[in-house]
Amino acid sequence: AAMSRKRLQLLAESLSRSTKHFSEGEVECLIKLFDVLVARSCSHFAVSGFNRTVFRDTLFAAFGMTDDVVLDRVFSTFDRDNNGCITVVEWVEGLAILLRGTLEEKIKYCFAVYDLNGDGYISREEMFQMLKDTLIKQPADEDPDEAIKDLVEIDYDHDGKLSFEDFEQAVKDENLLLEAFGPCLPDIK
């Protein structure tokens, strides 16, 4: 059921304060979109939010994001309480970073997407997992291992895995690295 006008205004006010990246009017629109997506979800979560399928379809439709591994990871970064359902707060706060986040916020977000097992490091295996689809599409004369070796060079402390500090330093040196492992940020024209 759609929320009352008063509840909508209060929630929009509160979320625009906590996220800082959207105006109250924008938050209101995102909440209305959220209600539409929940209605489309028709799952047992429908009271509190929508599921992975609706999320993936929405990101595909809105931003053309197609990579399954990346979409699953983006879902996980949005679904902070890890219950398989995106709530209205997770939705607005996730989009705030995705669409308007500072460099610092985007670095944290991308690192979380690429850190598949959540151990605070991006290992070679995780790099390969995230890169394999991109690498398969490489011209025949390019060696996929070379691309991974290039990325490993940003492992400043040479421990065979990227810490958040390595990743942050590398991205600050070269912003294009933010999406080195696959586009997990929308391409906003």
Protein backbone atom coordinates (compact mmCIF):
# COMPACT_ATOMS: atom_id res chain seq x y z
CA ALA A 1 0.00 0.00 0.00
CA ALA A 2 1.28 3.44 -0.86
CA MET A 3 2.13 5.56 2.15
CA SER A 4 0.17 8.59 3.26
CA ARG A 5 1.24 12.03 2.03
CA LYS A 6 2.35 13.01 5.55
CA ARG A 7 4.46 9.87 6.03
CA LEU A 8 5.97 10.34 2.59
CA GLN A 9 6.98 13.93 3.45
CA LEU A 10 8.45 12.94 6.82
CA LEU A 11 10.43 10.07 5.33
CA ALA A 12 11.65 12.23 2.43
CA GLU A 13 12.71 14.95 4.86
CA SER A 14 14.58 12.49 7.07
CA LEU A 15 16.28 10.67 4.16
CA SER A 16 17.33 13.87 2.39
CA ARG A 17 19.03 14.92 5.65
CA SER A 18 20.77 11.57 6.17
CA THR A 19 21.94 11.06 2.57
CA LYS A 20 22.85 14.71 1.86
CA HIS A 21 23.11 14.04 -1.90
CA PHE A 22 19.42 14.40 -2.84
CA SER A 23 16.94 17.20 -2.31
CA GLU A 24 13.71 16.41 -0.48
CA GLY A 25 11.81 16.46 -3.79
CA GLU A 26 14.25 13.99 -5.34
CA VAL A 27 13.97 11.69 -2.33
CA GLU A 28 10.19 11.83 -2.63
CA CYS A 29 10.43 10.71 -6.27
CA LEU A 30 12.79 7.87 -5.29
CA ILE A 31 10.34 6.74 -2.58
CA LYS A 32 7.49 6.74 -5.12
CA LEU A 33 9.65 4.73 -7.52
CA PHE A 34 10.43 2.38 -4.62
CA ASP A 35 6.67 1.87 -4.05
CA VAL A 36 6.22 1.03 -7.75
CA LEU A 37 9.08 -1.49 -7.58
CA VAL A 38 7.69 -3.06 -4.39
CA ALA A 39 4.32 -3.43 -6.09
CA ARG A 40 6.07 -5.12 -9.02
CA SER A 41 7.98 -7.41 -6.68
CA CYS A 42 4.98 -9.45 -5.49
CA SER A 43 7.19 -11.45 -3.15
CA HIS A 44 6.78 -12.22 0.53
CA PHE A 45 8.95 -9.15 1.21
CA ALA A 46 6.46 -6.85 -0.46
CA VAL A 47 5.68 -5.18 2.87
CA SER A 48 9.22 -4.02 3.52
CA GLY A 49 10.94 -3.91 0.16
CA PHE A 50 11.81 -5.66 -3.09
CA ASN A 51 14.05 -8.57 -4.02
CA ARG A 52 17.18 -9.16 -6.08
CA THR A 53 15.28 -9.83 -9.33
CA VAL A 54 13.43 -6.52 -9.27
CA PHE A 55 16.66 -4.75 -8.28
CA ARG A 56 18.60 -6.28 -11.17
CA ASP A 57 15.84 -5.52 -13.68
CA THR A 58 15.73 -1.92 -12.45
CA LEU A 59 19.50 -1.36 -12.68
CA PHE A 60 19.52 -2.95 -16.12
CA ALA A 61 16.62 -0.78 -17.33
CA ALA A 62 17.94 2.44 -15.78
CA PHE A 63 21.68 2.12 -16.34
CA GLY A 64 22.17 -0.75 -18.77
CA MET A 65 24.09 -2.75 -16.14
CA THR A 66 24.26 -6.34 -17.38
CA ASP A 67 27.13 -8.15 -15.67
CA ASP A 68 25.58 -10.76 -13.33
CA VAL A 69 28.51 -10.90 -10.92
CA VAL A 70 28.61 -7.11 -10.66
CA LEU A 71 24.83 -6.82 -10.27
CA ASP A 72 24.84 -9.41 -7.47
CA ARG A 73 27.60 -7.52 -5.70
CA VAL A 74 25.86 -4.16 -6.14
CA PHE A 75 22.73 -5.75 -4.63
CA SER A 76 24.81 -6.91 -1.66
CA THR A 77 26.22 -3.44 -1.06
CA PHE A 78 22.70 -1.96 -1.09
CA ASP A 79 21.26 -4.76 1.10
CA ARG A 80 23.19 -3.75 4.20
CA ASP A 81 21.27 -5.92 6.66
CA ASN A 82 21.81 -8.86 4.30
CA ASN A 83 18.21 -10.11 4.36
CA GLY A 84 17.75 -10.42 0.58
CA CYS A 85 15.43 -7.43 0.44
CA ILE A 86 16.05 -3.76 -0.37
CA THR A 87 14.23 -1.43 2.04
CA VAL A 88 13.32 2.16 1.21
CA VAL A 89 16.24 3.46 3.31
CA GLU A 90 18.74 1.07 1.64
CA TRP A 91 17.32 2.10 -1.75
CA VAL A 92 17.69 5.87 -1.26
CA GLU A 93 21.03 5.68 0.55
CA GLY A 94 22.44 3.23 -2.03
CA LEU A 95 21.36 5.41 -4.94
CA ALA A 96 22.80 8.50 -3.25
CA ILE A 97 26.27 6.94 -3.43
CA LEU A 98 25.72 5.32 -6.82
CA LEU A 99 24.53 8.54 -8.47
CA ARG A 100 25.98 11.41 -6.45
CA GLY A 101 28.58 9.99 -4.10
CA THR A 102 31.84 11.77 -3.39
CA LEU A 103 35.05 10.16 -4.72
CA GLU A 104 35.66 8.82 -1.21
CA GLU A 105 32.18 7.22 -1.03
CA LYS A 106 32.54 5.74 -4.50
CA ILE A 107 35.95 4.26 -3.63
CA LYS A 108 34.42 2.57 -0.55
CA TYR A 109 31.43 1.37 -2.58
CA CYS A 110 33.49 -0.06 -5.47
CA PHE A 111 35.88 -1.74 -3.05
CA ALA A 112 32.91 -3.38 -1.29
CA VAL A 113 31.56 -4.57 -4.66
CA TYR A 114 34.90 -6.11 -5.66
CA ASP A 115 35.68 -7.66 -2.26
CA LEU A 116 33.61 -10.75 -3.02
CA ASN A 117 34.09 -12.54 0.30
CA GLY A 118 33.98 -9.41 2.44
CA ASP A 119 37.38 -10.02 4.09
CA GLY A 120 38.62 -6.47 3.50
CA TYR A 121 40.94 -7.43 0.62
CA ILE A 122 40.61 -7.95 -3.11
CA SER A 123 42.57 -11.12 -3.88
CA ARG A 124 43.88 -12.21 -7.28
CA GLU A 125 41.03 -14.73 -7.44
CA GLU A 126 38.46 -12.00 -6.80
CA MET A 127 40.14 -9.80 -9.43
CA PHE A 128 39.95 -12.62 -11.93
CA GLN A 129 36.32 -13.38 -11.02
CA MET A 130 35.37 -9.74 -11.57
CA LEU A 131 37.51 -9.37 -14.70
CA LYS A 132 36.93 -12.64 -16.52
CA ASP A 133 33.95 -11.43 -18.57
CA THR A 134 35.75 -8.23 -19.49
CA LEU A 135 38.91 -10.15 -20.34
CA ILE A 136 37.16 -12.65 -22.60
CA LYS A 137 36.07 -9.71 -24.76
CA GLN A 138 39.69 -8.51 -25.17
CA PRO A 139 41.26 -8.48 -28.64
CA ALA A 140 42.91 -11.84 -29.37
CA ASP A 141 46.43 -10.40 -29.19
CA GLU A 142 45.94 -9.18 -25.61
CA ASP A 143 46.85 -11.56 -22.82
CA PRO A 144 44.24 -11.62 -20.02
CA ASP A 145 46.98 -12.37 -17.48
CA GLU A 146 48.74 -9.16 -18.48
CA ALA A 147 45.67 -7.11 -17.59
CA ILE A 148 45.56 -8.75 -14.17
CA LYS A 149 49.29 -8.18 -13.71
CA ASP A 150 48.75 -4.48 -14.46
CA LEU A 151 46.16 -4.37 -11.72
CA VAL A 152 48.35 -6.26 -9.30
CA GLU A 153 50.92 -3.49 -9.69
CA ILE A 154 48.64 -1.32 -7.57
CA ASP A 155 49.26 -3.75 -4.70
CA TYR A 156 51.65 -1.27 -3.09
CA ASP A 157 52.60 -3.44 -0.13
CA HIS A 158 53.15 -6.49 -2.40
CA ASP A 159 51.18 -8.92 -0.26
CA GLY A 160 49.37 -10.45 -3.25
CA LYS A 161 46.06 -8.77 -2.50
CA LEU A 162 44.64 -5.28 -2.58
CA SER A 163 43.81 -3.71 0.75
CA PHE A 164 41.38 -0.82 0.89
CA GLU A 165 44.42 1.47 1.35
CA ASP A 166 46.06 0.11 -1.85
CA PHE A 167 42.82 0.53 -3.77
CA GLU A 168 42.17 4.02 -2.41
CA GLN A 169 45.72 5.18 -3.21
CA ALA A 170 45.55 3.74 -6.74
CA VAL A 171 42.18 5.36 -7.47
CA LYS A 172 43.36 8.72 -6.16
CA ASP A 173 46.36 8.43 -8.52
CA GLU A 174 44.16 7.30 -11.42
CA ASN A 175 40.39 7.79 -11.15
CA LEU A 176 39.70 5.49 -14.10
CA LEU A 177 40.69 2.56 -11.87
CA LEU A 178 37.47 3.05 -9.94
CA GLU A 179 35.78 0.71 -12.37
CA ALA A 180 38.76 -1.37 -13.39
CA PHE A 181 37.03 -4.63 -12.46
CA GLY A 182 33.75 -3.98 -14.22
CA PRO A 183 31.22 -1.19 -14.36
CA CYS A 184 29.43 -1.03 -11.02
CA LEU A 185 28.71 2.69 -11.35
CA PRO A 186 26.12 3.95 -13.82
CA ASP A 187 27.43 5.67 -16.89
CA ILE A 188 25.64 8.98 -16.46
CA LYS A 189 25.61 11.09 -19.59
